[in-house]
Amino acid sequence: MGAHGMLQIGEVADRIGLSLRTIRYYEEVGLAVPSARSDGGFRLYTEDDVERLRVIMQMKPLGFSLEEMRELLTALAEGGPAERLAHYRAAAAERVDALRAQLATAEAFAGRLRT
């Protein structure tokens, strides 16, 4: 742990399973900017920053664009309009259903290969 209980980028990467490169990319595009930097210039993350990265990780496999992620993260952080959150809730449910259908197809194929 870094200054005042904050985590350095390597600790965040180990904790949540993202690569350093991916975390830096999310910073570069403005999705997950570290809350502070150490005197030596190291990125320092709070627990809220880590949670934001976890949310990004959960949105990624559902195919949300960077702009959609940014908008949803802002809405979640600021208690955005209920209708906007409902839109994302419905979009996430649709995408999960599509992934389940793909998984069922893949499992059927794998089962065919086993027999």
N, C-alpha and C. Protein backbone atom coordinates (compact mmCIF):
# COMPACT_ATOMS: atom_id res chain seq x y z
N MET A 1 0.84 -1.19 0.00
CA MET A 1 0.00 0.00 0.00
C MET A 1 0.87 1.24 0.00
N GLY A 2 0.40 2.21 -0.76
CA GLY A 2 1.14 3.46 -0.87
C GLY A 2 0.74 4.44 0.22
N ALA A 3 0.87 5.69 -0.08
CA ALA A 3 0.59 6.76 0.86
C ALA A 3 -0.85 6.72 1.33
N HIS A 4 -1.02 6.81 2.65
CA HIS A 4 -2.35 6.92 3.26
C HIS A 4 -3.31 5.83 2.81
N GLY A 5 -2.82 4.60 2.71
CA GLY A 5 -3.68 3.48 2.37
C GLY A 5 -4.05 3.38 0.91
N MET A 6 -3.42 4.17 0.07
CA MET A 6 -3.71 4.12 -1.36
C MET A 6 -2.86 3.02 -2.00
N LEU A 7 -3.35 2.51 -3.11
CA LEU A 7 -2.68 1.42 -3.81
C LEU A 7 -1.92 1.93 -5.02
N GLN A 8 -0.76 1.34 -5.27
CA GLN A 8 -0.04 1.63 -6.50
C GLN A 8 -0.61 0.76 -7.61
N ILE A 9 -0.30 1.11 -8.84
CA ILE A 9 -0.90 0.45 -10.00
C ILE A 9 -0.66 -1.07 -10.00
N GLY A 10 0.51 -1.51 -9.59
CA GLY A 10 0.80 -2.95 -9.56
C GLY A 10 -0.08 -3.68 -8.56
N GLU A 11 -0.34 -3.04 -7.43
CA GLU A 11 -1.21 -3.64 -6.42
C GLU A 11 -2.65 -3.72 -6.93
N VAL A 12 -3.07 -2.69 -7.63
CA VAL A 12 -4.42 -2.69 -8.22
C VAL A 12 -4.53 -3.80 -9.26
N ALA A 13 -3.52 -3.90 -10.11
CA ALA A 13 -3.52 -4.93 -11.15
C ALA A 13 -3.61 -6.32 -10.54
N ASP A 14 -2.82 -6.57 -9.50
CA ASP A 14 -2.86 -7.88 -8.83
C ASP A 14 -4.20 -8.14 -8.19
N ARG A 15 -4.78 -7.13 -7.60
CA ARG A 15 -6.03 -7.30 -6.87
C ARG A 15 -7.20 -7.62 -7.79
N ILE A 16 -7.27 -6.95 -8.95
CA ILE A 16 -8.46 -7.12 -9.78
C ILE A 16 -8.21 -7.89 -11.08
N GLY A 17 -6.96 -8.22 -11.36
CA GLY A 17 -6.68 -9.06 -12.52
C GLY A 17 -6.62 -8.34 -13.85
N LEU A 18 -6.31 -7.07 -13.84
CA LEU A 18 -6.10 -6.33 -15.08
C LEU A 18 -4.60 -6.13 -15.27
N SER A 19 -4.18 -6.00 -16.52
CA SER A 19 -2.77 -5.72 -16.78
C SER A 19 -2.47 -4.25 -16.50
N LEU A 20 -1.21 -3.96 -16.26
CA LEU A 20 -0.79 -2.56 -16.07
C LEU A 20 -1.13 -1.75 -17.30
N ARG A 21 -0.90 -2.34 -18.45
CA ARG A 21 -1.17 -1.66 -19.73
C ARG A 21 -2.64 -1.28 -19.85
N THR A 22 -3.52 -2.19 -19.47
CA THR A 22 -4.96 -1.93 -19.55
C THR A 22 -5.36 -0.81 -18.60
N ILE A 23 -4.84 -0.84 -17.38
CA ILE A 23 -5.16 0.21 -16.41
C ILE A 23 -4.66 1.56 -16.93
N ARG A 24 -3.47 1.58 -17.48
CA ARG A 24 -2.94 2.83 -18.04
C ARG A 24 -3.79 3.32 -19.22
N TYR A 25 -4.26 2.37 -20.03
CA TYR A 25 -5.13 2.73 -21.16
C TYR A 25 -6.42 3.38 -20.65
N TYR A 26 -7.03 2.78 -19.64
CA TYR A 26 -8.27 3.35 -19.10
C TYR A 26 -8.02 4.75 -18.53
N GLU A 27 -6.82 4.98 -18.01
CA GLU A 27 -6.46 6.32 -17.56
C GLU A 27 -6.34 7.26 -18.76
N GLU A 28 -5.65 6.79 -19.79
CA GLU A 28 -5.40 7.59 -21.00
C GLU A 28 -6.70 8.06 -21.65
N VAL A 29 -7.70 7.19 -21.67
CA VAL A 29 -8.97 7.55 -22.30
C VAL A 29 -9.94 8.21 -21.32
N GLY A 30 -9.49 8.41 -20.09
CA GLY A 30 -10.28 9.14 -19.11
C GLY A 30 -11.34 8.35 -18.38
N LEU A 31 -11.30 7.04 -18.46
CA LEU A 31 -12.29 6.22 -17.75
C LEU A 31 -11.95 6.00 -16.29
N ALA A 32 -10.68 5.87 -15.98
CA ALA A 32 -10.27 5.56 -14.61
C ALA A 32 -8.95 6.26 -14.30
N VAL A 33 -9.06 7.48 -13.85
CA VAL A 33 -7.88 8.28 -13.54
C VAL A 33 -7.55 8.08 -12.06
N PRO A 34 -6.27 7.80 -11.74
CA PRO A 34 -5.92 7.62 -10.33
C PRO A 34 -6.18 8.90 -9.54
N SER A 35 -6.52 8.75 -8.28
CA SER A 35 -6.86 9.90 -7.45
C SER A 35 -5.67 10.76 -7.11
N ALA A 36 -4.47 10.18 -7.14
CA ALA A 36 -3.29 10.94 -6.74
C ALA A 36 -2.05 10.34 -7.38
N ARG A 37 -0.96 11.03 -7.18
CA ARG A 37 0.36 10.54 -7.57
C ARG A 37 1.28 10.72 -6.37
N SER A 38 2.20 9.79 -6.23
CA SER A 38 3.18 9.89 -5.15
C SER A 38 4.18 10.99 -5.48
N ASP A 39 5.01 11.33 -4.52
CA ASP A 39 6.06 12.32 -4.76
C ASP A 39 6.96 11.89 -5.92
N GLY A 40 7.11 10.57 -6.08
CA GLY A 40 7.93 10.04 -7.17
C GLY A 40 7.17 9.89 -8.49
N GLY A 41 5.89 10.28 -8.52
CA GLY A 41 5.11 10.22 -9.75
C GLY A 41 4.34 8.93 -9.96
N PHE A 42 4.35 8.03 -8.97
CA PHE A 42 3.62 6.78 -9.12
C PHE A 42 2.12 7.01 -8.96
N ARG A 43 1.34 6.32 -9.77
CA ARG A 43 -0.11 6.43 -9.69
C ARG A 43 -0.57 5.83 -8.36
N LEU A 44 -1.51 6.51 -7.71
CA LEU A 44 -2.07 6.04 -6.44
C LEU A 44 -3.58 5.97 -6.57
N TYR A 45 -4.12 4.82 -6.19
CA TYR A 45 -5.54 4.55 -6.36
C TYR A 45 -6.23 4.36 -5.01
N THR A 46 -7.42 4.92 -4.89
CA THR A 46 -8.26 4.70 -3.71
C THR A 46 -9.12 3.46 -3.94
N GLU A 47 -9.82 3.04 -2.91
CA GLU A 47 -10.76 1.92 -3.06
C GLU A 47 -11.86 2.28 -4.06
N ASP A 48 -12.28 3.53 -4.10
CA ASP A 48 -13.29 3.97 -5.08
C ASP A 48 -12.75 3.83 -6.50
N ASP A 49 -11.47 4.16 -6.69
CA ASP A 49 -10.84 4.00 -8.01
C ASP A 49 -10.83 2.54 -8.43
N VAL A 50 -10.50 1.67 -7.47
CA VAL A 50 -10.46 0.23 -7.74
C VAL A 50 -11.85 -0.27 -8.11
N GLU A 51 -12.85 0.20 -7.38
CA GLU A 51 -14.23 -0.21 -7.69
C GLU A 51 -14.64 0.27 -9.08
N ARG A 52 -14.24 1.46 -9.47
CA ARG A 52 -14.53 1.98 -10.81
C ARG A 52 -13.92 1.06 -11.87
N LEU A 53 -12.69 0.61 -11.64
CA LEU A 53 -12.05 -0.32 -12.57
C LEU A 53 -12.80 -1.65 -12.62
N ARG A 54 -13.32 -2.10 -11.48
CA ARG A 54 -14.11 -3.34 -11.47
C ARG A 54 -15.37 -3.20 -12.31
N VAL A 55 -16.02 -2.05 -12.21
CA VAL A 55 -17.23 -1.80 -13.01
C VAL A 55 -16.88 -1.82 -14.49
N ILE A 56 -15.76 -1.20 -14.86
CA ILE A 56 -15.31 -1.21 -16.25
C ILE A 56 -15.09 -2.64 -16.71
N MET A 57 -14.44 -3.44 -15.86
CA MET A 57 -14.21 -4.86 -16.20
C MET A 57 -15.51 -5.60 -16.44
N GLN A 58 -16.55 -5.26 -15.69
CA GLN A 58 -17.83 -5.93 -15.85
C GLN A 58 -18.56 -5.47 -17.11
N MET A 59 -18.35 -4.23 -17.51
CA MET A 59 -19.00 -3.71 -18.72
C MET A 59 -18.32 -4.20 -19.99
N LYS A 60 -17.01 -4.39 -19.93
CA LYS A 60 -16.22 -4.72 -21.11
C LYS A 60 -16.76 -5.94 -21.87
N PRO A 61 -16.98 -7.09 -21.21
CA PRO A 61 -17.45 -8.25 -21.98
C PRO A 61 -18.86 -8.08 -22.55
N LEU A 62 -19.57 -7.07 -22.09
CA LEU A 62 -20.91 -6.82 -22.62
C LEU A 62 -20.87 -5.91 -23.84
N GLY A 63 -19.69 -5.51 -24.24
CA GLY A 63 -19.54 -4.76 -25.48
C GLY A 63 -19.90 -3.29 -25.41
N PHE A 64 -19.94 -2.71 -24.22
CA PHE A 64 -20.21 -1.28 -24.12
C PHE A 64 -19.04 -0.50 -24.71
N SER A 65 -19.34 0.56 -25.44
CA SER A 65 -18.30 1.42 -26.00
C SER A 65 -17.67 2.25 -24.89
N LEU A 66 -16.52 2.85 -25.19
CA LEU A 66 -15.86 3.71 -24.21
C LEU A 66 -16.78 4.85 -23.80
N GLU A 67 -17.48 5.42 -24.77
CA GLU A 67 -18.39 6.53 -24.45
C GLU A 67 -19.55 6.07 -23.57
N GLU A 68 -20.09 4.88 -23.87
CA GLU A 68 -21.17 4.35 -23.03
C GLU A 68 -20.65 4.09 -21.62
N MET A 69 -19.44 3.54 -21.52
CA MET A 69 -18.85 3.29 -20.20
C MET A 69 -18.70 4.60 -19.44
N ARG A 70 -18.18 5.61 -20.12
CA ARG A 70 -17.97 6.92 -19.48
C ARG A 70 -19.29 7.49 -18.98
N GLU A 71 -20.31 7.42 -19.83
CA GLU A 71 -21.62 7.96 -19.45
C GLU A 71 -22.22 7.20 -18.27
N LEU A 72 -22.12 5.88 -18.31
CA LEU A 72 -22.69 5.09 -17.23
C LEU A 72 -21.91 5.30 -15.92
N LEU A 73 -20.60 5.34 -16.00
CA LEU A 73 -19.80 5.58 -14.80
C LEU A 73 -20.14 6.93 -14.17
N THR A 74 -20.33 7.94 -15.02
CA THR A 74 -20.71 9.26 -14.52
C THR A 74 -22.08 9.20 -13.87
N ALA A 75 -23.02 8.54 -14.52
CA ALA A 75 -24.37 8.42 -13.98
C ALA A 75 -24.36 7.69 -12.63
N LEU A 76 -23.57 6.63 -12.54
CA LEU A 76 -23.48 5.88 -11.28
C LEU A 76 -22.86 6.72 -10.18
N ALA A 77 -21.81 7.47 -10.51
CA ALA A 77 -21.11 8.28 -9.52
C ALA A 77 -21.95 9.46 -9.04
N GLU A 78 -22.74 10.02 -9.96
CA GLU A 78 -23.49 11.23 -9.64
C GLU A 78 -24.96 10.97 -9.36
N GLY A 79 -25.34 9.69 -9.34
CA GLY A 79 -26.75 9.39 -9.14
C GLY A 79 -27.58 9.91 -10.29
N GLY A 80 -27.19 9.50 -11.50
CA GLY A 80 -27.80 9.99 -12.73
C GLY A 80 -29.29 9.72 -12.81
N PRO A 81 -29.91 10.23 -13.87
CA PRO A 81 -31.36 10.09 -14.05
C PRO A 81 -31.78 8.62 -14.09
N ALA A 82 -32.87 8.33 -13.44
CA ALA A 82 -33.36 6.95 -13.36
C ALA A 82 -33.59 6.35 -14.73
N GLU A 83 -34.11 7.14 -15.68
CA GLU A 83 -34.40 6.60 -17.01
C GLU A 83 -33.10 6.24 -17.74
N ARG A 84 -32.03 6.98 -17.49
CA ARG A 84 -30.74 6.67 -18.13
C ARG A 84 -30.18 5.37 -17.56
N LEU A 85 -30.26 5.22 -16.24
CA LEU A 85 -29.80 3.98 -15.61
C LEU A 85 -30.66 2.80 -16.06
N ALA A 86 -31.95 3.02 -16.22
CA ALA A 86 -32.84 1.96 -16.70
C ALA A 86 -32.46 1.54 -18.11
N HIS A 87 -32.07 2.49 -18.94
CA HIS A 87 -31.62 2.18 -20.30
C HIS A 87 -30.41 1.24 -20.24
N TYR A 88 -29.44 1.57 -19.41
CA TYR A 88 -28.24 0.73 -19.31
C TYR A 88 -28.54 -0.62 -18.68
N ARG A 89 -29.47 -0.63 -17.74
CA ARG A 89 -29.88 -1.91 -17.12
C ARG A 89 -30.48 -2.82 -18.19
N ALA A 90 -31.34 -2.28 -19.03
CA ALA A 90 -31.97 -3.07 -20.10
C ALA A 90 -30.93 -3.51 -21.12
N ALA A 91 -30.02 -2.60 -21.50
CA ALA A 91 -28.97 -2.95 -22.47
C ALA A 91 -28.09 -4.06 -21.92
N ALA A 92 -27.74 -3.98 -20.65
CA ALA A 92 -26.90 -5.02 -20.05
C ALA A 92 -27.64 -6.36 -20.06
N ALA A 93 -28.92 -6.35 -19.72
CA ALA A 93 -29.71 -7.59 -19.70
C ALA A 93 -29.78 -8.21 -21.10
N GLU A 94 -29.98 -7.38 -22.12
CA GLU A 94 -30.02 -7.88 -23.50
C GLU A 94 -28.69 -8.51 -23.90
N ARG A 95 -27.62 -7.86 -23.53
CA ARG A 95 -26.29 -8.35 -23.89
C ARG A 95 -25.94 -9.63 -23.14
N VAL A 96 -26.38 -9.72 -21.90
CA VAL A 96 -26.16 -10.96 -21.15
C VAL A 96 -26.94 -12.10 -21.80
N ASP A 97 -28.16 -11.84 -22.20
CA ASP A 97 -28.96 -12.87 -22.89
C ASP A 97 -28.26 -13.32 -24.17
N ALA A 98 -27.72 -12.40 -24.92
CA ALA A 98 -27.02 -12.76 -26.16
C ALA A 98 -25.79 -13.60 -25.86
N LEU A 99 -25.06 -13.26 -24.81
CA LEU A 99 -23.89 -14.06 -24.43
C LEU A 99 -24.29 -15.46 -23.97
N ARG A 100 -25.42 -15.55 -23.27
CA ARG A 100 -25.91 -16.88 -22.84
C ARG A 100 -26.26 -17.74 -24.06
N ALA A 101 -26.85 -17.12 -25.07
CA ALA A 101 -27.19 -17.86 -26.29
C ALA A 101 -25.92 -18.34 -26.99
N GLN A 102 -24.92 -17.47 -27.05
CA GLN A 102 -23.64 -17.87 -27.65
C GLN A 102 -23.00 -19.01 -26.87
N LEU A 103 -23.05 -18.92 -25.55
CA LEU A 103 -22.48 -19.97 -24.71
C LEU A 103 -23.21 -21.29 -24.94
N ALA A 104 -24.53 -21.25 -25.04
CA ALA A 104 -25.30 -22.48 -25.28
C ALA A 104 -24.88 -23.11 -26.61
N THR A 105 -24.68 -22.30 -27.63
CA THR A 105 -24.23 -22.80 -28.93
C THR A 105 -22.85 -23.43 -28.81
N ALA A 106 -21.95 -22.77 -28.11
CA ALA A 106 -20.59 -23.28 -27.94
C ALA A 106 -20.60 -24.57 -27.13
N GLU A 107 -21.43 -24.64 -26.09
CA GLU A 107 -21.52 -25.87 -25.29
C GLU A 107 -22.08 -27.03 -26.10
N ALA A 108 -23.07 -26.75 -26.95
CA ALA A 108 -23.63 -27.79 -27.80
C ALA A 108 -22.56 -28.33 -28.75
N PHE A 109 -21.77 -27.44 -29.30
CA PHE A 109 -20.70 -27.85 -30.20
C PHE A 109 -19.65 -28.69 -29.46
N ALA A 110 -19.25 -28.23 -28.28
CA ALA A 110 -18.27 -28.97 -27.48
C ALA A 110 -18.82 -30.35 -27.13
N GLY A 111 -20.12 -30.42 -26.82
CA GLY A 111 -20.75 -31.71 -26.52
C GLY A 111 -20.74 -32.64 -27.72
N ARG A 112 -20.95 -32.09 -28.90
CA ARG A 112 -20.91 -32.86 -30.13
C ARG A 112 -19.51 -33.46 -30.33
N LEU A 113 -18.49 -32.68 -30.03
CA LEU A 113 -17.12 -33.18 -30.19
C LEU A 113 -16.78 -34.29 -29.20
N ARG A 114 -17.42 -34.26 -28.03
CA ARG A 114 -17.16 -35.29 -27.01
C ARG A 114 -17.79 -36.62 -27.37
N THR A 115 -18.86 -36.61 -28.19
CA THR A 115 -19.56 -37.86 -28.50
C THR A 115 -19.09 -38.49 -29.79
